[in-house]
């Protein structure tokens, strides 16, 4: 039988990769036109800057490079996205369409606290500390 607790680090990496891939598509859609979105934001507008953070931050999280600072910035971005873009429409997230922004905000906050997991460039770059006797 598999000890699920022993797989926690790998599942942390899977959470990071899956959330990065889904966020990255928002930035690539806004800035690169793929996937095609109904509305492309005007250059240097607030949604355009959000797209820059989504594209670059999503790529950094996907690779697991500078995970903690990228996740912290993206958590803040998603908090702003909720309060600026969704909350004015309704108090209830199910009515204002802000569910995903809330989930992203807390997933990225968790990644900031927990780190990237073993399948990351951060883990690869981490210096090996010799054990003390």
N, C-alpha and C. Protein backbone atom coordinates (compact mmCIF):
# COMPACT_ATOMS: atom_id res chain seq x y z
N UNK A 1 0.83 -1.18 0.00
CA UNK A 1 0.00 0.00 0.00
C UNK A 1 0.88 1.25 0.00
N UNK A 2 0.44 2.28 -0.70
CA UNK A 2 1.21 3.52 -0.81
C UNK A 2 0.93 4.41 0.39
N UNK A 3 1.99 4.94 0.97
CA UNK A 3 1.86 5.90 2.05
C UNK A 3 1.68 7.28 1.43
N UNK A 4 0.45 7.78 1.46
CA UNK A 4 0.12 9.06 0.84
C UNK A 4 0.94 10.19 1.45
N UNK A 5 1.18 10.14 2.75
CA UNK A 5 1.96 11.20 3.40
C UNK A 5 3.35 11.34 2.80
N UNK A 6 3.91 10.26 2.33
CA UNK A 6 5.25 10.33 1.74
C UNK A 6 5.25 11.05 0.39
N UNK A 7 4.05 11.22 -0.20
CA UNK A 7 3.94 11.87 -1.51
C UNK A 7 3.59 13.36 -1.41
N UNK A 8 3.52 13.91 -0.20
CA UNK A 8 3.17 15.33 -0.03
C UNK A 8 4.05 16.26 -0.85
N UNK A 9 5.36 16.10 -0.84
CA UNK A 9 6.19 17.02 -1.62
C UNK A 9 5.88 16.98 -3.12
N UNK A 10 5.63 15.80 -3.64
CA UNK A 10 5.32 15.68 -5.07
C UNK A 10 3.96 16.32 -5.38
N UNK A 11 2.99 16.16 -4.49
CA UNK A 11 1.69 16.78 -4.70
C UNK A 11 1.77 18.30 -4.59
N UNK A 12 2.68 18.80 -3.78
CA UNK A 12 2.91 20.24 -3.72
C UNK A 12 3.41 20.73 -5.09
N UNK A 13 4.32 20.00 -5.69
CA UNK A 13 4.80 20.35 -7.03
C UNK A 13 3.67 20.28 -8.05
N UNK A 14 2.82 19.27 -7.95
CA UNK A 14 1.70 19.14 -8.89
C UNK A 14 0.74 20.31 -8.74
N UNK A 15 0.45 20.72 -7.51
CA UNK A 15 -0.41 21.88 -7.28
C UNK A 15 0.20 23.13 -7.90
N UNK A 16 1.50 23.32 -7.72
CA UNK A 16 2.18 24.49 -8.28
C UNK A 16 2.11 24.48 -9.80
N UNK A 17 2.39 23.34 -10.41
CA UNK A 17 2.41 23.23 -11.87
C UNK A 17 1.01 23.44 -12.45
N UNK A 18 0.01 22.80 -11.87
CA UNK A 18 -1.36 22.92 -12.40
C UNK A 18 -1.88 24.35 -12.26
N UNK A 19 -1.65 24.98 -11.12
CA UNK A 19 -2.13 26.35 -10.95
C UNK A 19 -1.36 27.31 -11.85
N UNK A 20 -0.08 27.06 -12.06
CA UNK A 20 0.72 27.91 -12.96
C UNK A 20 0.24 27.80 -14.40
N UNK A 21 -0.03 26.59 -14.84
CA UNK A 21 -0.51 26.40 -16.21
C UNK A 21 -1.85 27.09 -16.46
N UNK A 22 -2.75 26.98 -15.49
CA UNK A 22 -4.06 27.60 -15.69
C UNK A 22 -3.97 29.12 -15.61
N UNK A 23 -3.07 29.66 -14.78
CA UNK A 23 -2.90 31.12 -14.72
C UNK A 23 -2.18 31.63 -15.97
N UNK A 24 -1.18 30.90 -16.42
CA UNK A 24 -0.39 31.31 -17.58
C UNK A 24 -1.26 31.56 -18.81
N UNK A 25 -2.32 30.76 -18.96
CA UNK A 25 -3.18 30.92 -20.14
C UNK A 25 -3.88 32.27 -20.14
N UNK A 26 -4.15 32.84 -18.98
CA UNK A 26 -4.76 34.17 -18.94
C UNK A 26 -3.78 35.21 -19.47
N UNK A 27 -2.53 35.14 -19.01
CA UNK A 27 -1.53 36.09 -19.49
C UNK A 27 -1.22 35.92 -20.96
N UNK A 28 -1.11 34.69 -21.41
CA UNK A 28 -0.81 34.47 -22.84
C UNK A 28 -1.97 34.90 -23.71
N UNK A 29 -3.19 34.72 -23.23
CA UNK A 29 -4.35 35.17 -23.99
C UNK A 29 -4.41 36.68 -24.10
N UNK A 30 -4.09 37.37 -23.00
CA UNK A 30 -4.15 38.83 -22.99
C UNK A 30 -3.02 39.46 -23.80
N UNK A 31 -1.83 38.88 -23.73
CA UNK A 31 -0.66 39.51 -24.35
C UNK A 31 -0.27 38.91 -25.69
N UNK A 32 -0.47 37.61 -25.86
CA UNK A 32 -0.02 36.93 -27.07
C UNK A 32 -1.17 36.53 -27.99
N UNK A 33 -2.40 36.69 -27.52
CA UNK A 33 -3.55 36.34 -28.33
C UNK A 33 -3.82 34.85 -28.43
N UNK A 34 -3.18 34.06 -27.58
CA UNK A 34 -3.44 32.62 -27.58
C UNK A 34 -3.53 32.12 -26.15
N UNK A 35 -4.60 31.47 -25.80
CA UNK A 35 -5.80 31.25 -26.60
C UNK A 35 -6.54 32.56 -26.85
N UNK A 36 -7.27 32.60 -27.94
CA UNK A 36 -7.97 33.83 -28.33
C UNK A 36 -9.03 34.18 -27.30
N UNK A 37 -9.00 35.41 -26.84
CA UNK A 37 -9.97 35.92 -25.88
C UNK A 37 -10.94 36.86 -26.58
N UNK A 38 -12.10 37.04 -25.99
CA UNK A 38 -13.08 37.96 -26.57
C UNK A 38 -12.57 39.40 -26.56
N UNK A 39 -11.90 39.77 -25.47
CA UNK A 39 -11.38 41.14 -25.34
C UNK A 39 -9.89 41.10 -25.05
N UNK A 40 -9.14 41.86 -25.81
CA UNK A 40 -7.71 42.02 -25.57
C UNK A 40 -7.54 43.38 -24.89
N UNK A 41 -6.87 43.42 -23.75
CA UNK A 41 -6.74 44.70 -23.05
C UNK A 41 -5.84 45.68 -23.79
N UNK A 42 -6.13 46.96 -23.62
CA UNK A 42 -5.30 48.01 -24.21
C UNK A 42 -3.93 47.98 -23.53
N UNK A 43 -2.90 48.24 -24.31
CA UNK A 43 -1.54 48.25 -23.79
C UNK A 43 -1.42 49.26 -22.66
N UNK A 44 -0.77 48.86 -21.60
CA UNK A 44 -0.51 49.65 -20.39
C UNK A 44 -1.77 49.94 -19.57
N UNK A 45 -2.85 49.25 -19.85
CA UNK A 45 -4.04 49.34 -19.01
C UNK A 45 -3.85 48.41 -17.81
N UNK A 46 -4.72 48.52 -16.81
CA UNK A 46 -4.62 47.66 -15.64
C UNK A 46 -4.73 46.18 -16.01
N UNK A 47 -5.69 45.78 -16.86
CA UNK A 47 -5.74 44.35 -17.26
C UNK A 47 -4.50 43.91 -18.04
N UNK A 48 -3.88 44.83 -18.78
CA UNK A 48 -2.66 44.49 -19.51
C UNK A 48 -1.53 44.19 -18.53
N UNK A 49 -1.38 45.04 -17.50
CA UNK A 49 -0.35 44.79 -16.48
C UNK A 49 -0.62 43.49 -15.74
N UNK A 50 -1.90 43.20 -15.49
CA UNK A 50 -2.25 41.92 -14.88
C UNK A 50 -1.81 40.77 -15.79
N UNK A 51 -2.00 40.94 -17.10
CA UNK A 51 -1.56 39.93 -18.06
C UNK A 51 -0.06 39.72 -18.03
N UNK A 52 0.70 40.81 -17.87
CA UNK A 52 2.15 40.69 -17.77
C UNK A 52 2.53 39.86 -16.55
N UNK A 53 1.90 40.17 -15.41
CA UNK A 53 2.19 39.40 -14.18
C UNK A 53 1.74 37.95 -14.32
N UNK A 54 0.59 37.73 -14.96
CA UNK A 54 0.10 36.36 -15.15
C UNK A 54 1.02 35.56 -16.06
N UNK A 55 1.52 36.19 -17.11
CA UNK A 55 2.40 35.50 -18.06
C UNK A 55 3.76 35.21 -17.42
N UNK A 56 4.39 36.23 -16.88
CA UNK A 56 5.72 36.05 -16.31
C UNK A 56 5.65 35.23 -15.01
N UNK A 57 4.72 35.60 -14.14
CA UNK A 57 4.58 34.86 -12.88
C UNK A 57 4.17 33.43 -13.11
N UNK A 58 3.27 33.20 -14.06
CA UNK A 58 2.86 31.84 -14.39
C UNK A 58 4.02 31.00 -14.90
N UNK A 59 4.86 31.62 -15.73
CA UNK A 59 6.04 30.90 -16.26
C UNK A 59 7.02 30.59 -15.13
N UNK A 60 7.24 31.55 -14.23
CA UNK A 60 8.16 31.31 -13.11
C UNK A 60 7.63 30.20 -12.21
N UNK A 61 6.33 30.23 -11.91
CA UNK A 61 5.76 29.17 -11.07
C UNK A 61 5.80 27.83 -11.77
N UNK A 62 5.54 27.82 -13.06
CA UNK A 62 5.58 26.57 -13.82
C UNK A 62 6.96 25.92 -13.72
N UNK A 63 7.99 26.72 -13.87
CA UNK A 63 9.35 26.21 -13.77
C UNK A 63 9.79 26.00 -12.33
N UNK A 64 9.07 26.60 -11.39
CA UNK A 64 9.48 26.52 -9.99
C UNK A 64 10.72 27.36 -9.74
N UNK A 65 10.80 28.51 -10.41
CA UNK A 65 11.95 29.40 -10.27
C UNK A 65 11.50 30.67 -9.56
N UNK A 66 12.21 31.04 -8.50
CA UNK A 66 11.81 32.19 -7.66
C UNK A 66 10.35 32.03 -7.23
N UNK A 67 10.01 30.82 -6.81
CA UNK A 67 8.63 30.47 -6.52
C UNK A 67 8.03 31.33 -5.43
N UNK A 68 8.72 31.50 -4.33
CA UNK A 68 8.13 32.24 -3.22
C UNK A 68 7.84 33.70 -3.57
N UNK A 69 8.80 34.46 -4.12
CA UNK A 69 8.45 35.84 -4.47
C UNK A 69 7.37 35.92 -5.57
N UNK A 70 7.44 35.03 -6.55
CA UNK A 70 6.43 35.05 -7.62
C UNK A 70 5.06 34.73 -7.06
N UNK A 71 4.97 33.74 -6.20
CA UNK A 71 3.68 33.36 -5.61
C UNK A 71 3.13 34.48 -4.73
N UNK A 72 3.99 35.18 -4.02
CA UNK A 72 3.54 36.29 -3.18
C UNK A 72 2.94 37.40 -4.03
N UNK A 73 3.64 37.77 -5.10
CA UNK A 73 3.14 38.82 -6.01
C UNK A 73 1.82 38.38 -6.65
N UNK A 74 1.75 37.13 -7.09
CA UNK A 74 0.53 36.64 -7.74
C UNK A 74 -0.64 36.54 -6.76
N UNK A 75 -0.36 36.20 -5.51
CA UNK A 75 -1.42 36.19 -4.51
C UNK A 75 -2.00 37.59 -4.35
N UNK A 76 -1.14 38.58 -4.29
CA UNK A 76 -1.60 39.97 -4.21
C UNK A 76 -2.37 40.38 -5.46
N UNK A 77 -1.87 39.97 -6.62
CA UNK A 77 -2.57 40.28 -7.87
C UNK A 77 -3.99 39.72 -7.85
N UNK A 78 -4.14 38.50 -7.38
CA UNK A 78 -5.46 37.88 -7.36
C UNK A 78 -6.36 38.54 -6.31
N UNK A 79 -5.80 39.02 -5.21
CA UNK A 79 -6.60 39.77 -4.24
C UNK A 79 -7.10 41.06 -4.87
N UNK A 80 -6.21 41.77 -5.57
CA UNK A 80 -6.62 42.98 -6.26
C UNK A 80 -7.66 42.67 -7.34
N UNK A 81 -7.45 41.59 -8.07
CA UNK A 81 -8.40 41.21 -9.12
C UNK A 81 -9.79 41.00 -8.54
N UNK A 82 -9.83 40.36 -7.38
CA UNK A 82 -11.13 40.13 -6.76
C UNK A 82 -11.77 41.44 -6.31
N UNK A 83 -11.02 42.23 -5.55
CA UNK A 83 -11.62 43.44 -4.96
C UNK A 83 -11.89 44.53 -5.98
N UNK A 84 -11.09 44.60 -7.04
CA UNK A 84 -11.30 45.64 -8.05
C UNK A 84 -12.25 45.17 -9.15
N UNK A 85 -12.10 43.93 -9.58
CA UNK A 85 -12.85 43.46 -10.74
C UNK A 85 -14.14 42.72 -10.44
N UNK A 86 -14.24 42.11 -9.25
CA UNK A 86 -15.39 41.26 -8.98
C UNK A 86 -16.28 41.77 -7.86
N UNK A 87 -15.70 42.12 -6.73
CA UNK A 87 -16.48 42.52 -5.55
C UNK A 87 -17.45 43.67 -5.81
N UNK A 88 -17.09 44.66 -6.64
CA UNK A 88 -18.07 45.74 -6.88
C UNK A 88 -19.37 45.27 -7.54
N UNK A 89 -19.35 44.12 -8.18
CA UNK A 89 -20.54 43.61 -8.87
C UNK A 89 -21.54 42.94 -7.93
N UNK A 90 -21.05 42.38 -6.84
CA UNK A 90 -21.91 41.71 -5.87
C UNK A 90 -21.06 41.33 -4.67
N UNK A 91 -21.70 41.19 -3.52
CA UNK A 91 -21.00 40.75 -2.32
C UNK A 91 -20.63 39.27 -2.41
N UNK A 92 -21.44 38.49 -3.11
CA UNK A 92 -21.28 37.03 -3.13
C UNK A 92 -20.41 36.60 -4.31
N UNK A 93 -19.31 35.87 -4.04
CA UNK A 93 -18.44 35.42 -5.12
C UNK A 93 -19.13 34.58 -6.18
N UNK A 94 -20.12 33.79 -5.79
CA UNK A 94 -20.82 32.96 -6.76
C UNK A 94 -21.61 33.83 -7.74
N UNK A 95 -21.96 35.04 -7.34
CA UNK A 95 -22.69 35.95 -8.21
C UNK A 95 -21.78 36.91 -8.97
N UNK A 96 -20.62 37.23 -8.40
CA UNK A 96 -19.75 38.21 -9.06
C UNK A 96 -18.66 37.58 -9.92
N UNK A 97 -18.60 36.25 -9.99
CA UNK A 97 -17.62 35.57 -10.83
C UNK A 97 -16.21 35.57 -10.27
N UNK A 98 -16.07 35.85 -8.99
CA UNK A 98 -14.73 35.96 -8.41
C UNK A 98 -14.21 34.72 -7.71
N UNK A 99 -14.90 33.60 -7.85
CA UNK A 99 -14.46 32.37 -7.17
C UNK A 99 -13.02 32.01 -7.50
N UNK A 100 -12.69 32.03 -8.78
CA UNK A 100 -11.35 31.61 -9.19
C UNK A 100 -10.28 32.55 -8.66
N UNK A 101 -10.56 33.84 -8.64
CA UNK A 101 -9.59 34.80 -8.10
C UNK A 101 -9.32 34.52 -6.63
N UNK A 102 -10.36 34.19 -5.88
CA UNK A 102 -10.19 33.87 -4.46
C UNK A 102 -9.36 32.60 -4.29
N UNK A 103 -9.69 31.57 -5.06
CA UNK A 103 -8.94 30.30 -4.95
C UNK A 103 -7.48 30.51 -5.33
N UNK A 104 -7.24 31.20 -6.45
CA UNK A 104 -5.86 31.50 -6.84
C UNK A 104 -5.13 32.27 -5.74
N UNK A 105 -5.78 33.26 -5.17
CA UNK A 105 -5.15 34.07 -4.14
C UNK A 105 -4.63 33.18 -3.01
N UNK A 106 -5.44 32.27 -2.54
CA UNK A 106 -5.03 31.43 -1.41
C UNK A 106 -4.11 30.28 -1.82
N UNK A 107 -4.24 29.77 -3.02
CA UNK A 107 -3.28 28.76 -3.49
C UNK A 107 -1.89 29.39 -3.60
N UNK A 108 -1.81 30.59 -4.17
CA UNK A 108 -0.51 31.24 -4.30
C UNK A 108 0.05 31.65 -2.94
N UNK A 109 -0.82 32.04 -2.03
CA UNK A 109 -0.36 32.34 -0.67
C UNK A 109 0.20 31.08 -0.02
N UNK A 110 -0.45 29.95 -0.24
CA UNK A 110 0.06 28.67 0.28
C UNK A 110 1.41 28.33 -0.35
N UNK A 111 1.55 28.53 -1.66
CA UNK A 111 2.83 28.24 -2.32
C UNK A 111 3.93 29.16 -1.80
N UNK A 112 3.58 30.40 -1.49
CA UNK A 112 4.55 31.32 -0.88
C UNK A 112 5.05 30.74 0.44
N UNK A 113 4.15 30.20 1.26
CA UNK A 113 4.54 29.65 2.56
C UNK A 113 5.21 28.29 2.45
N UNK A 114 4.71 27.43 1.56
CA UNK A 114 5.18 26.04 1.50
C UNK A 114 6.38 25.84 0.58
N UNK A 115 6.58 26.74 -0.38
CA UNK A 115 7.67 26.58 -1.32
C UNK A 115 7.24 25.81 -2.55
N UNK A 116 8.19 25.52 -3.43
CA UNK A 116 7.87 24.97 -4.75
C UNK A 116 7.66 23.46 -4.81
N UNK A 117 8.16 22.73 -3.85
CA UNK A 117 8.16 21.28 -3.94
C UNK A 117 9.42 20.79 -4.65
N UNK A 118 9.60 19.48 -4.71
CA UNK A 118 10.86 18.93 -5.22
C UNK A 118 11.04 19.03 -6.73
N UNK A 119 9.95 19.11 -7.47
CA UNK A 119 10.06 19.17 -8.93
C UNK A 119 10.09 20.63 -9.36
N UNK A 120 11.20 21.29 -9.10
CA UNK A 120 11.31 22.71 -9.39
C UNK A 120 12.76 23.10 -9.61
N UNK A 121 12.96 24.19 -10.31
CA UNK A 121 14.31 24.71 -10.47
C UNK A 121 14.85 25.26 -9.16
N UNK A 122 13.97 25.76 -8.31
CA UNK A 122 14.41 26.22 -6.99
C UNK A 122 15.02 25.07 -6.19
N UNK A 123 14.39 23.91 -6.23
CA UNK A 123 14.92 22.75 -5.51
C UNK A 123 16.25 22.31 -6.12
N UNK A 124 16.36 22.41 -7.42
CA UNK A 124 17.59 22.04 -8.10
C UNK A 124 18.73 23.00 -7.76
N UNK A 125 18.42 24.30 -7.64
CA UNK A 125 19.42 25.33 -7.34
C UNK A 125 19.83 25.36 -5.88
N UNK A 126 19.01 24.78 -5.01
CA UNK A 126 19.25 24.85 -3.57
C UNK A 126 20.56 24.15 -3.23
N UNK A 127 21.44 24.84 -2.52
CA UNK A 127 22.72 24.20 -2.16
C UNK A 127 22.48 23.05 -1.15
N UNK A 128 23.24 22.02 -1.34
CA UNK A 128 23.16 20.87 -0.45
C UNK A 128 24.00 21.18 0.79
N UNK A 129 23.34 21.13 1.93
CA UNK A 129 24.02 21.40 3.21
C UNK A 129 24.47 20.06 3.77
N UNK A 130 25.79 19.93 4.02
CA UNK A 130 26.26 18.65 4.56
C UNK A 130 25.72 18.42 5.97
N UNK A 131 25.44 17.16 6.26
CA UNK A 131 24.95 16.80 7.59
C UNK A 131 26.05 16.97 8.61
N UNK A 132 25.67 17.44 9.78
CA UNK A 132 26.65 17.59 10.86
C UNK A 132 26.66 16.36 11.72
N UNK A 133 27.80 16.07 12.27
CA UNK A 133 27.94 14.86 13.06
C UNK A 133 27.57 15.08 14.50
